[in-house]
Amino acid sequence: MGLELGLSVVVGFLIGSWLDEWLDTKPWFLLVFGVSGIIAGYRSIFRLVKRVQADSEQKHDSPSSS
């Protein structure tokens, strides 16, 4: 979970930094892709939490087999 957030942010900043160097537009692409990476990381964590909650509710609602 933490790896997903961290990688999303790092990849976003790396892509932005590379584009800024290539196009000589510092710091615009770094900011755009950095923020996009942060949003993507939090979005993936949010989806994971929702999936875990749904699985938990499904297990809680199912009748026990004993």
N, C-alpha and C. Protein backbone atom coordinates (compact mmCIF):
# COMPACT_ATOMS: atom_id res chain seq x y z
N MET A 1 0.83 -1.18 0.00
CA MET A 1 0.00 0.00 0.00
C MET A 1 0.88 1.25 0.00
N GLY A 2 1.83 1.32 0.90
CA GLY A 2 2.73 2.47 0.93
C GLY A 2 3.62 2.53 -0.30
N LEU A 3 3.95 1.35 -0.82
CA LEU A 3 4.77 1.28 -2.02
C LEU A 3 4.05 1.89 -3.22
N GLU A 4 2.76 1.63 -3.33
CA GLU A 4 1.98 2.20 -4.43
C GLU A 4 1.99 3.72 -4.38
N LEU A 5 1.78 4.27 -3.21
CA LEU A 5 1.77 5.73 -3.07
C LEU A 5 3.15 6.30 -3.38
N GLY A 6 4.16 5.70 -2.80
CA GLY A 6 5.52 6.18 -3.01
C GLY A 6 5.96 6.11 -4.46
N LEU A 7 5.69 4.98 -5.10
CA LEU A 7 6.08 4.84 -6.50
C LEU A 7 5.33 5.80 -7.41
N SER A 8 4.06 6.00 -7.15
CA SER A 8 3.28 6.94 -7.96
C SER A 8 3.87 8.34 -7.88
N VAL A 9 4.22 8.76 -6.69
CA VAL A 9 4.78 10.10 -6.51
C VAL A 9 6.16 10.20 -7.16
N VAL A 10 7.01 9.22 -6.91
CA VAL A 10 8.37 9.26 -7.46
C VAL A 10 8.34 9.22 -8.99
N VAL A 11 7.54 8.34 -9.56
CA VAL A 11 7.45 8.25 -11.02
C VAL A 11 6.92 9.56 -11.60
N GLY A 12 5.92 10.14 -10.97
CA GLY A 12 5.39 11.42 -11.44
C GLY A 12 6.44 12.51 -11.42
N PHE A 13 7.20 12.60 -10.34
CA PHE A 13 8.24 13.62 -10.26
C PHE A 13 9.38 13.35 -11.25
N LEU A 14 9.73 12.08 -11.45
CA LEU A 14 10.79 11.77 -12.41
C LEU A 14 10.38 12.12 -13.84
N ILE A 15 9.16 11.77 -14.21
CA ILE A 15 8.68 12.10 -15.56
C ILE A 15 8.64 13.62 -15.73
N GLY A 16 8.11 14.31 -14.75
CA GLY A 16 8.04 15.77 -14.82
C GLY A 16 9.41 16.41 -14.91
N SER A 17 10.34 15.92 -14.13
CA SER A 17 11.70 16.46 -14.15
C SER A 17 12.36 16.21 -15.51
N TRP A 18 12.19 15.01 -16.03
CA TRP A 18 12.76 14.68 -17.34
C TRP A 18 12.18 15.57 -18.44
N LEU A 19 10.86 15.75 -18.43
CA LEU A 19 10.22 16.61 -19.43
C LEU A 19 10.68 18.06 -19.29
N ASP A 20 10.83 18.54 -18.07
CA ASP A 20 11.31 19.90 -17.86
C ASP A 20 12.73 20.09 -18.40
N GLU A 21 13.58 19.10 -18.18
CA GLU A 21 14.95 19.19 -18.71
C GLU A 21 14.93 19.17 -20.24
N TRP A 22 14.12 18.29 -20.80
CA TRP A 22 14.07 18.11 -22.25
C TRP A 22 13.48 19.34 -22.96
N LEU A 23 12.41 19.90 -22.38
CA LEU A 23 11.71 21.01 -23.01
C LEU A 23 12.08 22.38 -22.43
N ASP A 24 12.96 22.39 -21.43
CA ASP A 24 13.40 23.62 -20.77
C ASP A 24 12.21 24.45 -20.27
N THR A 25 11.36 23.79 -19.48
CA THR A 25 10.14 24.43 -18.97
C THR A 25 10.05 24.41 -17.45
N LYS A 26 11.19 24.34 -16.78
CA LYS A 26 11.19 24.20 -15.32
C LYS A 26 10.28 25.22 -14.67
N PRO A 27 9.54 24.94 -13.69
CA PRO A 27 9.20 23.71 -12.99
C PRO A 27 7.84 23.15 -13.38
N TRP A 28 7.31 23.54 -14.52
CA TRP A 28 5.90 23.27 -14.82
C TRP A 28 5.55 21.79 -14.93
N PHE A 29 6.30 21.03 -15.70
CA PHE A 29 5.97 19.61 -15.83
C PHE A 29 6.23 18.87 -14.52
N LEU A 30 7.25 19.30 -13.78
CA LEU A 30 7.52 18.69 -12.48
C LEU A 30 6.32 18.85 -11.56
N LEU A 31 5.76 20.04 -11.54
CA LEU A 31 4.58 20.29 -10.69
C LEU A 31 3.37 19.50 -11.17
N VAL A 32 3.12 19.53 -12.47
CA VAL A 32 1.94 18.84 -13.02
C VAL A 32 2.03 17.34 -12.79
N PHE A 33 3.15 16.73 -13.14
CA PHE A 33 3.26 15.28 -12.98
C PHE A 33 3.45 14.88 -11.52
N GLY A 34 4.06 15.74 -10.71
CA GLY A 34 4.18 15.46 -9.29
C GLY A 34 2.82 15.41 -8.61
N VAL A 35 1.99 16.40 -8.89
CA VAL A 35 0.64 16.42 -8.32
C VAL A 35 -0.19 15.26 -8.88
N SER A 36 -0.01 14.97 -10.17
CA SER A 36 -0.73 13.83 -10.76
C SER A 36 -0.32 12.52 -10.09
N GLY A 37 0.96 12.38 -9.78
CA GLY A 37 1.43 11.18 -9.09
C GLY A 37 0.85 11.06 -7.69
N ILE A 38 0.76 12.18 -6.99
CA ILE A 38 0.16 12.18 -5.65
C ILE A 38 -1.31 11.78 -5.73
N ILE A 39 -2.02 12.36 -6.68
CA ILE A 39 -3.44 12.03 -6.85
C ILE A 39 -3.61 10.56 -7.21
N ALA A 40 -2.79 10.06 -8.13
CA ALA A 40 -2.88 8.65 -8.53
C ALA A 40 -2.58 7.72 -7.36
N GLY A 41 -1.61 8.08 -6.54
CA GLY A 41 -1.28 7.25 -5.38
C GLY A 41 -2.41 7.19 -4.37
N TYR A 42 -2.98 8.34 -4.06
CA TYR A 42 -4.10 8.35 -3.11
C TYR A 42 -5.33 7.66 -3.69
N ARG A 43 -5.52 7.78 -4.99
CA ARG A 43 -6.65 7.10 -5.63
C ARG A 43 -6.51 5.58 -5.53
N SER A 44 -5.31 5.08 -5.75
CA SER A 44 -5.11 3.63 -5.66
C SER A 44 -5.28 3.14 -4.22
N ILE A 45 -4.84 3.93 -3.25
CA ILE A 45 -5.04 3.56 -1.85
C ILE A 45 -6.53 3.58 -1.51
N PHE A 46 -7.25 4.59 -1.99
CA PHE A 46 -8.69 4.68 -1.75
C PHE A 46 -9.41 3.45 -2.32
N ARG A 47 -9.05 3.04 -3.55
CA ARG A 47 -9.67 1.86 -4.15
C ARG A 47 -9.35 0.60 -3.34
N LEU A 48 -8.13 0.49 -2.85
CA LEU A 48 -7.74 -0.67 -2.05
C LEU A 48 -8.53 -0.72 -0.75
N VAL A 49 -8.68 0.42 -0.09
CA VAL A 49 -9.45 0.48 1.16
C VAL A 49 -10.90 0.12 0.92
N LYS A 50 -11.49 0.62 -0.17
CA LYS A 50 -12.89 0.29 -0.48
C LYS A 50 -13.04 -1.21 -0.74
N ARG A 51 -12.08 -1.81 -1.43
CA ARG A 51 -12.14 -3.24 -1.72
C ARG A 51 -12.03 -4.05 -0.43
N VAL A 52 -11.15 -3.65 0.47
CA VAL A 52 -10.99 -4.35 1.75
C VAL A 52 -12.26 -4.20 2.58
N GLN A 53 -12.87 -3.01 2.58
CA GLN A 53 -14.12 -2.81 3.32
C GLN A 53 -15.23 -3.68 2.75
N ALA A 54 -15.32 -3.78 1.44
CA ALA A 54 -16.36 -4.60 0.81
C ALA A 54 -16.16 -6.07 1.16
N ASP A 55 -14.91 -6.53 1.13
CA ASP A 55 -14.63 -7.92 1.51
C ASP A 55 -14.96 -8.17 2.97
N SER A 56 -14.65 -7.21 3.82
CA SER A 56 -14.94 -7.35 5.24
C SER A 56 -16.44 -7.40 5.50
N GLU A 57 -17.19 -6.54 4.83
CA GLU A 57 -18.65 -6.54 4.99
C GLU A 57 -19.25 -7.83 4.45
N GLN A 58 -18.71 -8.33 3.36
CA GLN A 58 -19.22 -9.57 2.78
C GLN A 58 -18.99 -10.74 3.73
N LYS A 59 -17.83 -10.81 4.35
CA LYS A 59 -17.54 -11.87 5.31
C LYS A 59 -18.42 -11.73 6.55
N HIS A 60 -18.66 -10.50 6.96
CA HIS A 60 -19.46 -10.24 8.15
C HIS A 60 -20.93 -10.59 7.90
N ASP A 61 -21.43 -10.32 6.71
CA ASP A 61 -22.83 -10.57 6.39
C ASP A 61 -23.14 -12.02 6.06
N SER A 62 -22.14 -12.80 5.67
CA SER A 62 -22.40 -14.19 5.31
C SER A 62 -22.65 -15.02 6.57
N PRO A 63 -23.58 -15.98 6.49
CA PRO A 63 -23.87 -16.82 7.67
C PRO A 63 -22.69 -17.73 7.99
N SER A 64 -22.50 -17.97 9.27
CA SER A 64 -21.39 -18.84 9.68
C SER A 64 -21.73 -20.28 9.36
N SER A 65 -20.70 -21.08 9.14
CA SER A 65 -20.91 -22.48 8.75
C SER A 65 -20.92 -23.42 9.94
N SER A 66 -20.90 -22.92 11.16
CA SER A 66 -20.89 -23.80 12.33
C SER A 66 -22.26 -24.15 12.82
